[in-house]
Protein backbone atom coordinates (compact mmCIF):
# COMPACT_ATOMS: atom_id res chain seq x y z
CA UNK A 1 71.96 -22.63 -21.05
CA UNK A 2 74.47 -19.75 -21.07
CA UNK A 3 73.91 -16.50 -19.25
CA UNK A 4 73.52 -14.66 -22.56
CA UNK A 5 70.70 -16.98 -23.71
CA UNK A 6 68.98 -16.73 -20.30
CA UNK A 7 69.16 -12.95 -20.46
CA UNK A 8 67.58 -12.98 -23.93
CA UNK A 9 64.68 -15.20 -22.78
CA UNK A 10 64.00 -13.02 -19.73
CA UNK A 11 63.99 -9.89 -21.89
CA UNK A 12 61.53 -11.46 -24.36
CA UNK A 13 59.21 -12.68 -21.57
CA UNK A 14 59.17 -9.26 -19.89
CA UNK A 15 58.38 -7.56 -23.20
CA UNK A 16 55.42 -9.89 -23.87
CA UNK A 17 54.01 -9.27 -20.37
CA UNK A 18 54.18 -5.51 -20.81
CA UNK A 19 52.47 -5.70 -24.20
CA UNK A 20 49.70 -7.90 -22.81
CA UNK A 21 49.13 -5.57 -19.85
CA UNK A 22 49.02 -2.57 -22.16
CA UNK A 23 46.47 -4.25 -24.41
CA UNK A 24 44.23 -5.17 -21.47
CA UNK A 25 44.42 -1.63 -20.11
CA UNK A 26 42.72 -0.41 -23.27
CA UNK A 27 39.65 -2.59 -22.66
CA UNK A 28 36.58 -0.85 -21.21
CA UNK A 29 33.76 -2.41 -19.22
CA UNK A 30 30.26 -1.06 -19.81
CA UNK A 31 27.74 -2.14 -17.17
CA UNK A 32 24.01 -1.45 -17.04
CA UNK A 33 24.43 1.12 -14.25
CA UNK A 34 26.76 4.04 -13.64
CA UNK A 35 28.74 5.48 -10.78
CA UNK A 36 27.05 8.10 -8.65
CA UNK A 37 29.55 10.84 -9.63
CA UNK A 38 29.43 10.06 -13.36
CA UNK A 39 27.81 13.41 -14.12
CA UNK A 40 30.13 15.45 -11.88
CA UNK A 41 27.23 17.21 -10.11
CA UNK A 42 27.88 20.59 -8.55
CA UNK A 43 25.23 20.05 -5.82
CA UNK A 44 23.95 23.61 -6.24
CA UNK A 45 20.31 22.56 -6.11
CA UNK A 46 19.15 26.03 -5.10
CA UNK A 47 21.08 28.00 -7.70
CA UNK A 48 19.01 30.67 -9.49
CA UNK A 49 17.18 29.36 -12.52
CA UNK A 50 18.05 30.46 -16.05
CA UNK A 51 15.00 32.49 -17.07
CA UNK A 52 16.38 33.93 -20.29
CA UNK A 53 13.36 34.08 -22.55
CA UNK A 54 15.58 33.82 -25.61
CA UNK A 55 17.38 30.74 -24.40
CA UNK A 56 16.25 27.31 -25.63
CA UNK A 57 15.00 24.85 -23.02
CA UNK A 58 17.40 21.99 -22.38
CA UNK A 59 16.28 18.81 -20.68
CA UNK A 60 18.13 17.89 -17.50
CA UNK A 61 20.73 15.14 -17.28
CA UNK A 62 22.02 13.27 -14.27
CA UNK A 63 20.31 11.97 -11.18
CA UNK A 64 16.74 13.06 -10.43
CA UNK A 65 14.28 12.64 -7.58
CA UNK A 66 10.54 13.17 -7.19
CA UNK A 67 8.23 12.81 -4.18
CA UNK A 68 4.42 12.90 -4.31
CA UNK A 69 1.82 12.88 -1.56
CA UNK A 70 -1.28 11.16 -2.89
CA UNK A 71 -4.93 11.66 -1.95
CA UNK A 72 -6.92 9.04 -3.84
CA UNK A 73 -10.25 7.27 -3.85
CA UNK A 74 -10.36 3.47 -4.12
CA UNK A 75 -13.22 1.55 -5.75
CA UNK A 76 -15.26 -0.90 -3.64
CA UNK A 77 -15.58 -4.69 -4.03
CA UNK A 78 -18.33 -6.10 -6.24
CA UNK A 79 -20.23 -7.38 -3.20
CA UNK A 80 -20.96 -3.82 -2.07
CA UNK A 81 -24.14 -2.24 -3.41
CA UNK A 82 -22.47 1.13 -4.00
CA UNK A 83 -19.71 -0.49 -6.06
CA UNK A 84 -18.68 2.66 -7.90
CA UNK A 85 -18.43 4.81 -4.78
CA UNK A 86 -14.85 5.75 -3.88
CA UNK A 87 -13.36 5.63 -0.38
CA UNK A 88 -10.63 8.20 0.20
CA UNK A 89 -7.19 7.51 1.64
CA UNK A 90 -3.63 8.85 1.62
CA UNK A 91 -0.49 7.48 0.05
CA UNK A 92 3.12 8.23 -0.92
CA UNK A 93 5.11 7.81 -4.12
CA UNK A 94 8.83 8.24 -4.84
CA UNK A 95 10.39 8.31 -8.33
CA UNK A 96 14.15 8.40 -8.79
CA UNK A 97 16.74 7.52 -11.42
CA UNK A 98 19.14 9.11 -13.86
CA UNK A 99 19.46 10.14 -17.50
CA UNK A 100 22.86 10.08 -19.19
CA UNK A 101 24.10 12.44 -21.89
CA UNK A 102 23.68 9.55 -24.33
CA UNK A 103 19.92 10.05 -23.77
CA UNK A 104 19.35 6.75 -22.02
CA UNK A 105 18.86 5.94 -18.36
CA UNK A 106 16.87 4.17 -15.64
CA UNK A 107 13.69 5.02 -13.75
CA UNK A 108 12.68 3.49 -10.42
CA UNK A 109 9.36 4.06 -8.67
CA UNK A 110 7.97 3.04 -5.26
CA UNK A 111 4.45 3.71 -3.96
CA UNK A 112 2.44 2.89 -0.84
CA UNK A 113 -1.29 3.57 -0.37
CA UNK A 114 -2.33 3.29 3.27
CA UNK A 115 -5.98 2.35 2.83
CA UNK A 116 -8.85 2.49 2.44
CA UNK A 117 -10.20 1.65 5.90
CA UNK A 118 -13.96 2.04 5.62
CA UNK A 119 -16.04 0.12 8.20
CA UNK A 120 -19.57 0.25 9.52
CA UNK A 121 -19.39 0.11 13.33
CA UNK A 122 -22.28 -0.90 15.59
CA UNK A 123 -22.35 -0.99 19.37
CA UNK A 124 -23.82 -4.02 21.15
CA UNK A 125 -24.39 -3.79 24.90
CA UNK A 126 -23.38 -6.92 26.79
CA UNK A 127 -25.37 -8.82 29.42
CA UNK A 128 -23.69 -7.28 32.46
CA UNK A 129 -23.71 -3.66 31.40
CA UNK A 130 -21.36 -2.12 33.95
CA UNK A 131 -18.52 -3.20 36.20
CA UNK A 132 -18.08 -1.01 39.25
CA UNK A 133 -14.61 0.46 39.57
CA UNK A 134 -12.98 -1.10 42.62
CA UNK A 135 -9.62 0.61 42.00
CA UNK A 136 -8.50 4.20 42.42
CA UNK A 137 -6.83 4.55 39.04
CA UNK A 138 -9.86 6.14 37.33
CA UNK A 139 -9.38 3.90 34.33
CA UNK A 140 -13.03 3.33 33.52
CA UNK A 141 -13.66 0.36 35.79
CA UNK A 142 -12.90 -3.28 35.75
CA UNK A 143 -9.12 -2.95 35.75
CA UNK A 144 -8.62 -4.42 39.18
CA UNK A 145 -5.31 -5.02 40.81
CA UNK A 146 -4.79 -1.40 41.88
CA UNK A 147 -3.67 -1.15 45.50
CA UNK A 148 -3.62 -4.91 45.98
CA UNK A 149 -7.38 -5.37 45.73
CA UNK A 150 -9.19 -8.32 44.26
CA UNK A 151 -8.29 -8.97 40.62
CA UNK A 152 -11.05 -8.53 38.06
CA UNK A 153 -11.08 -11.33 35.45
CA UNK A 154 -10.34 -10.10 31.91
CA UNK A 155 -13.76 -11.24 30.70
CA UNK A 156 -15.39 -8.96 33.30
CA UNK A 157 -13.46 -5.85 32.34
CA UNK A 158 -14.96 -2.92 30.48
CA UNK A 159 -14.20 -2.17 26.86
CA UNK A 160 -11.16 0.19 27.03
CA UNK A 161 -12.40 2.09 23.97
CA UNK A 162 -15.78 2.97 25.44
CA UNK A 163 -15.26 2.37 29.19
CA UNK A 164 -18.44 0.30 29.14
CA UNK A 165 -19.51 -3.31 28.88
CA UNK A 166 -20.09 -3.62 25.14
CA UNK A 167 -18.82 -4.99 21.85
CA UNK A 168 -17.99 -2.80 18.85
CA UNK A 169 -19.21 -4.74 15.82
CA UNK A 170 -17.20 -3.97 12.67
CA UNK A 171 -18.49 -4.72 9.18
CA UNK A 172 -15.98 -3.91 6.45
CA UNK A 173 -17.12 -1.88 3.47
CA UNK A 174 -13.80 -1.27 1.77
CA UNK A 175 -10.59 -2.13 3.61
CA UNK A 176 -7.17 -2.82 2.19
CA UNK A 177 -3.67 -1.59 1.53
CA UNK A 178 -1.37 -1.86 -1.44
CA UNK A 179 2.14 -0.93 -2.48
CA UNK A 180 4.47 -1.60 -5.34
CA UNK A 181 7.84 -1.19 -7.01
CA UNK A 182 8.91 -0.83 -10.63
CA UNK A 183 12.14 -0.60 -12.62
CA UNK A 184 12.25 0.80 -16.16
CA UNK A 185 14.81 1.36 -18.91
CA UNK A 186 14.28 4.82 -20.41
CA UNK A 187 15.23 6.43 -23.72
CA UNK A 188 14.94 10.13 -24.53
CA UNK A 189 13.82 11.09 -28.01
CA UNK A 190 14.50 14.39 -29.69
CA UNK A 191 12.33 17.46 -29.30
CA UNK A 192 9.48 17.69 -31.82
CA UNK A 193 8.26 20.76 -33.67
CA UNK A 194 5.95 21.68 -30.77
CA UNK A 195 8.74 21.69 -28.22
CA UNK A 196 7.69 18.42 -26.60
CA UNK A 197 10.19 15.81 -25.43
CA UNK A 198 9.17 12.14 -25.27
CA UNK A 199 10.74 9.40 -23.15
CA UNK A 200 9.53 5.84 -23.89
CA UNK A 201 10.35 3.13 -21.37
CA UNK A 202 9.94 -0.59 -20.71
CA UNK A 203 10.41 -2.47 -17.46
CA UNK A 204 9.26 -4.76 -14.66
CA UNK A 205 6.53 -4.13 -12.08
CA UNK A 206 5.54 -5.66 -8.72
CA UNK A 207 2.35 -4.78 -6.83
CA UNK A 208 0.92 -6.22 -3.60
CA UNK A 209 -2.68 -5.58 -2.57
CA UNK A 210 -4.06 -6.91 0.73
CA UNK A 211 -7.84 -6.89 1.08
CA UNK A 212 -9.44 -7.30 4.52
CA UNK A 213 -13.03 -8.45 4.91
CA UNK A 214 -14.68 -8.48 8.35
CA UNK A 215 -18.18 -9.30 9.57
CA UNK A 216 -19.05 -9.17 13.30
CA UNK A 217 -22.29 -10.51 14.82
CA UNK A 218 -23.78 -10.49 18.32
CA UNK A 219 -26.61 -12.74 19.55
CA UNK A 220 -28.26 -13.50 22.91
CA UNK A 221 -29.82 -16.80 24.06
CA UNK A 222 -31.83 -18.18 26.95
CA UNK A 223 -30.33 -20.77 29.28
CA UNK A 224 -31.61 -23.56 27.00
CA UNK A 225 -30.08 -22.00 23.84
CA UNK A 226 -33.18 -20.36 22.36
CA UNK A 227 -32.26 -17.22 20.36
CA UNK A 228 -33.69 -14.01 21.76
CA UNK A 229 -34.98 -11.45 19.25
CA UNK A 230 -34.35 -7.72 19.81
CA UNK A 231 -38.04 -7.33 20.72
CA UNK A 232 -40.58 -10.07 21.63
CA UNK A 233 -42.66 -11.47 18.79
CA UNK A 234 -46.25 -10.18 19.35
CA UNK A 235 -47.62 -13.14 17.36
CA UNK A 236 -45.83 -15.72 19.50
CA UNK A 237 -46.82 -15.81 23.18
CA UNK A 238 -43.89 -18.13 23.90
CA UNK A 239 -41.34 -15.75 22.37
CA UNK A 240 -38.54 -15.11 24.90
CA UNK A 241 -38.22 -11.60 26.29
CA UNK A 242 -34.90 -9.68 26.34
CA UNK A 243 -34.65 -9.97 30.15
CA UNK A 244 -34.49 -13.79 29.86
CA UNK A 245 -31.02 -13.68 28.27
CA UNK A 246 -28.31 -15.64 30.06
CA UNK A 247 -25.93 -16.50 27.21
CA UNK A 248 -24.34 -14.18 24.65
CA UNK A 249 -22.36 -15.04 21.52
CA UNK A 250 -19.89 -12.75 19.75
CA UNK A 251 -18.72 -13.90 16.30
CA UNK A 252 -15.98 -12.32 14.22
CA UNK A 253 -15.45 -13.55 10.65
CA UNK A 254 -12.35 -12.20 8.94
CA UNK A 255 -11.00 -12.97 5.47
CA UNK A 256 -7.62 -11.68 4.32
CA UNK A 257 -6.68 -11.88 0.64
CA UNK A 258 -3.10 -11.20 -0.46
CA UNK A 259 -2.63 -10.40 -4.15
CA UNK A 260 1.03 -10.43 -5.20
CA UNK A 261 1.42 -9.44 -8.85
CA UNK A 262 4.55 -9.74 -11.01
CA UNK A 263 4.84 -8.72 -14.64
CA UNK A 264 6.06 -6.32 -17.26
CA UNK A 265 5.01 -2.93 -18.51
CA UNK A 266 5.78 -0.32 -21.13
CA UNK A 267 4.83 3.29 -21.55
CA UNK A 268 6.02 6.79 -22.25
CA UNK A 269 6.42 10.17 -20.61
CA UNK A 270 6.21 13.48 -22.41
CA UNK A 271 6.82 16.96 -21.11
CA UNK A 272 6.70 20.49 -22.43
CA UNK A 273 7.74 23.88 -21.04
CA UNK A 274 5.31 26.46 -22.45
CA UNK A 275 6.54 29.32 -20.22
CA UNK A 276 9.63 30.24 -18.28
CA UNK A 277 8.58 28.73 -14.93
CA UNK A 278 5.89 26.17 -15.77
CA UNK A 279 6.36 22.64 -17.09
CA UNK A 280 3.52 20.35 -18.15
CA UNK A 281 4.03 16.58 -18.24
CA UNK A 282 2.05 13.42 -18.82
CA UNK A 283 2.76 9.73 -18.39
CA UNK A 284 0.99 6.56 -19.47
CA UNK A 285 1.75 2.93 -18.56
CA UNK A 286 0.26 -0.37 -19.69
CA UNK A 287 1.03 -3.55 -17.75
CA UNK A 288 0.19 -7.26 -17.64
CA UNK A 289 0.94 -9.38 -14.57
CA UNK A 290 0.44 -12.79 -13.00
CA UNK A 291 -1.35 -12.61 -9.65
CA UNK A 292 -0.38 -15.10 -6.93
CA UNK A 293 -3.27 -15.12 -4.44
CA UNK A 294 -3.16 -16.31 -0.83
CA UNK A 295 -6.23 -16.55 1.44
CA UNK A 296 -6.65 -16.76 5.20
CA UNK A 297 -10.14 -17.10 6.68
CA UNK A 298 -10.61 -16.88 10.46
CA UNK A 299 -13.71 -17.39 12.60
CA UNK A 300 -13.49 -16.33 16.25
CA UNK A 301 -16.43 -17.02 18.61
CA UNK A 302 -16.83 -16.06 22.27
CA UNK A 303 -19.60 -17.69 24.33
CA UNK A 304 -20.31 -15.94 27.64
CA UNK A 305 -22.77 -17.00 30.33
CA UNK A 306 -23.57 -14.47 33.02
CA UNK A 307 -26.14 -12.45 34.86
CA UNK A 308 -28.21 -9.81 33.11
CA UNK A 309 -28.17 -6.31 34.54
CA UNK A 310 -25.89 -3.81 36.19
CA UNK A 311 -22.94 -5.30 38.03
CA UNK A 312 -23.65 -8.86 36.94
CA UNK A 313 -20.75 -11.27 36.98
CA UNK A 314 -19.58 -13.60 34.25
CA UNK A 315 -20.05 -17.28 35.09
CA UNK A 316 -18.26 -18.95 32.18
CA UNK A 317 -16.58 -17.88 28.96
CA UNK A 318 -15.59 -20.11 26.03
CA UNK A 319 -13.38 -19.06 23.10
CA UNK A 320 -13.32 -20.90 19.79
CA UNK A 321 -10.99 -20.15 16.86
CA UNK A 322 -10.95 -21.71 13.42
CA UNK A 323 -8.62 -20.77 10.57
CA UNK A 324 -8.34 -22.02 7.00
CA UNK A 325 -5.86 -21.17 4.24
CA UNK A 326 -5.97 -21.36 0.49
CA UNK A 327 -4.30 -20.09 -2.66
CA UNK A 328 -5.11 -19.27 -6.26
CA UNK A 329 -3.73 -17.64 -9.38
CA UNK A 330 -5.18 -15.15 -11.84
CA UNK A 331 -4.06 -12.95 -14.72
CA UNK A 332 -4.44 -9.20 -14.38
CA UNK A 333 -3.90 -6.30 -16.72
CA UNK A 334 -4.33 -2.57 -16.46
CA UNK A 335 -2.79 0.83 -16.84
CA UNK A 336 -1.79 4.03 -15.14
CA UNK A 337 -2.16 7.64 -16.24
CA UNK A 338 -0.55 10.74 -14.77
CA UNK A 339 -0.87 14.44 -15.60
CA UNK A 340 1.28 16.99 -13.74
CA UNK A 341 2.11 20.67 -13.71
CA UNK A 342 5.29 21.84 -11.99
CA UNK A 343 6.52 25.32 -11.13
CA UNK A 344 10.27 25.95 -11.00
CA UNK A 345 11.52 27.59 -7.79
CA UNK A 346 15.27 27.27 -8.39
CA UNK A 347 17.42 25.77 -11.08
CA UNK A 348 16.81 22.19 -9.91
CA UNK A 349 13.88 22.43 -7.47
CA UNK A 350 10.21 22.51 -8.53
CA UNK A 351 6.84 22.24 -6.83
CA UNK A 352 4.23 20.12 -8.58
CA UNK A 353 0.63 18.98 -8.46
CA UNK A 354 -1.37 16.69 -10.68
CA UNK A 355 -3.83 13.86 -11.23
CA UNK A 356 -3.24 10.11 -11.01
CA UNK A 357 -5.38 7.18 -12.19
CA UNK A 358 -4.44 3.50 -11.82
CA UNK A 359 -6.69 0.61 -12.86
CA UNK A 360 -6.50 -3.18 -12.62
CA UNK A 361 -9.06 -4.61 -15.03
CA UNK A 362 -9.46 -8.07 -13.50
CA UNK A 363 -7.79 -10.81 -11.46
CA UNK A 364 -8.01 -9.21 -7.97
CA UNK A 365 -9.32 -11.19 -4.97
CA UNK A 366 -11.29 -8.97 -2.60
CA UNK A 367 -14.51 -8.83 -0.61
CA UNK A 368 -14.13 -12.20 1.14
CA UNK A 369 -15.84 -14.25 -1.59
CA UNK A 370 -13.45 -16.99 -2.70
CA UNK A 371 -15.62 -17.88 -5.70
CA UNK A 372 -15.24 -14.36 -7.11
CA UNK A 373 -11.47 -13.94 -7.06
CA UNK A 374 -11.15 -11.96 -10.31
CA UNK A 375 -12.50 -8.49 -9.56
CA UNK A 376 -11.26 -5.11 -10.70
CA UNK A 377 -9.54 -2.42 -8.63
CA UNK A 378 -9.08 1.27 -9.36
CA UNK A 379 -7.70 4.42 -7.74
CA UNK A 380 -8.42 8.00 -8.76
CA UNK A 381 -7.03 11.09 -7.10
CA UNK A 382 -4.71 14.04 -6.82
CA UNK A 383 -1.02 14.40 -6.04
CA UNK A 384 1.26 17.18 -4.87
CA UNK A 385 4.96 17.15 -4.15
CA UNK A 386 8.44 18.27 -5.12
CA UNK A 387 10.92 17.38 -7.88
CA UNK A 388 14.70 17.67 -8.01
CA UNK A 389 16.60 17.94 -11.32
CA UNK A 390 13.77 16.54 -13.44
């Protein structure tokens, strides 16, 4: 091949490469998410608000953030007599996301409710009611070991919570904790004739609820294993008296139920600005989820033989533990309703308060009864917090 032909082929190849590169440079990739600086924010969150009464309200675009402190009441399990009584607790909720100028965006929400933790607590005095303090640490007695003295066995020590020889018997009334996460695709519709803006959404939801059931019992026996009643039976001359006790039994039954729910939801949010500073908003969600249930039942028993009275010593102590596990699956459905009022402080910053209701209609395992693993669960309460650019 001559140099002239080679030069022509190289020129043609270079031209094709440049054309191909130019054509590829015109292609655009559109992903489901955006870059953080897509909206070119000015970060002037505390700029004065536009309170021109003749100006038309314009919904915000860009990234937004909302934090709520929640004070809610949680319904009790079916096994409780006062089923519809609510037990109060605190929680937190964070909403964040963005809305593009094309009136579409994403909404993410995370919540955590720290309770409830409602127990009935009873105090049961043990056989040897007091251990004399043989140390100089003033720690309530029974610690031993201070200053190189004789060590006190752990089973002879006082209860650190009461500084006495006793058991605190806990019976759960309503104990649990739940949290969740959701991700939604949002669309913004146009303003209607009443000045209200509507944002429908659809997405995925995950919720975990852990229920804790606990039942503690305390019983005394004679040396031959005969149960001792709290007071002698007047109709039974052979009924053992309380001072005949030589053996005590502490039993703790605990049942933990984990409900992990996955599913979808849809809903809508609407908001309206009737005055310059105030904004009213509402939100409704409907969801359906599959509940993966996991159970753990534990029975812990302590047998103690000792001397009755003040300063008595423990002779023997036996601990027994038994644990069982199980699993199940249920379908649950429900909804959530919010109503808020926010007051604008600056252009982007607002203070808010409102009401929140969340209900699971069925499919929740709680109360320690494995045969009734499809109960309902509801929370009702108030929220207060702060919003940024929403």
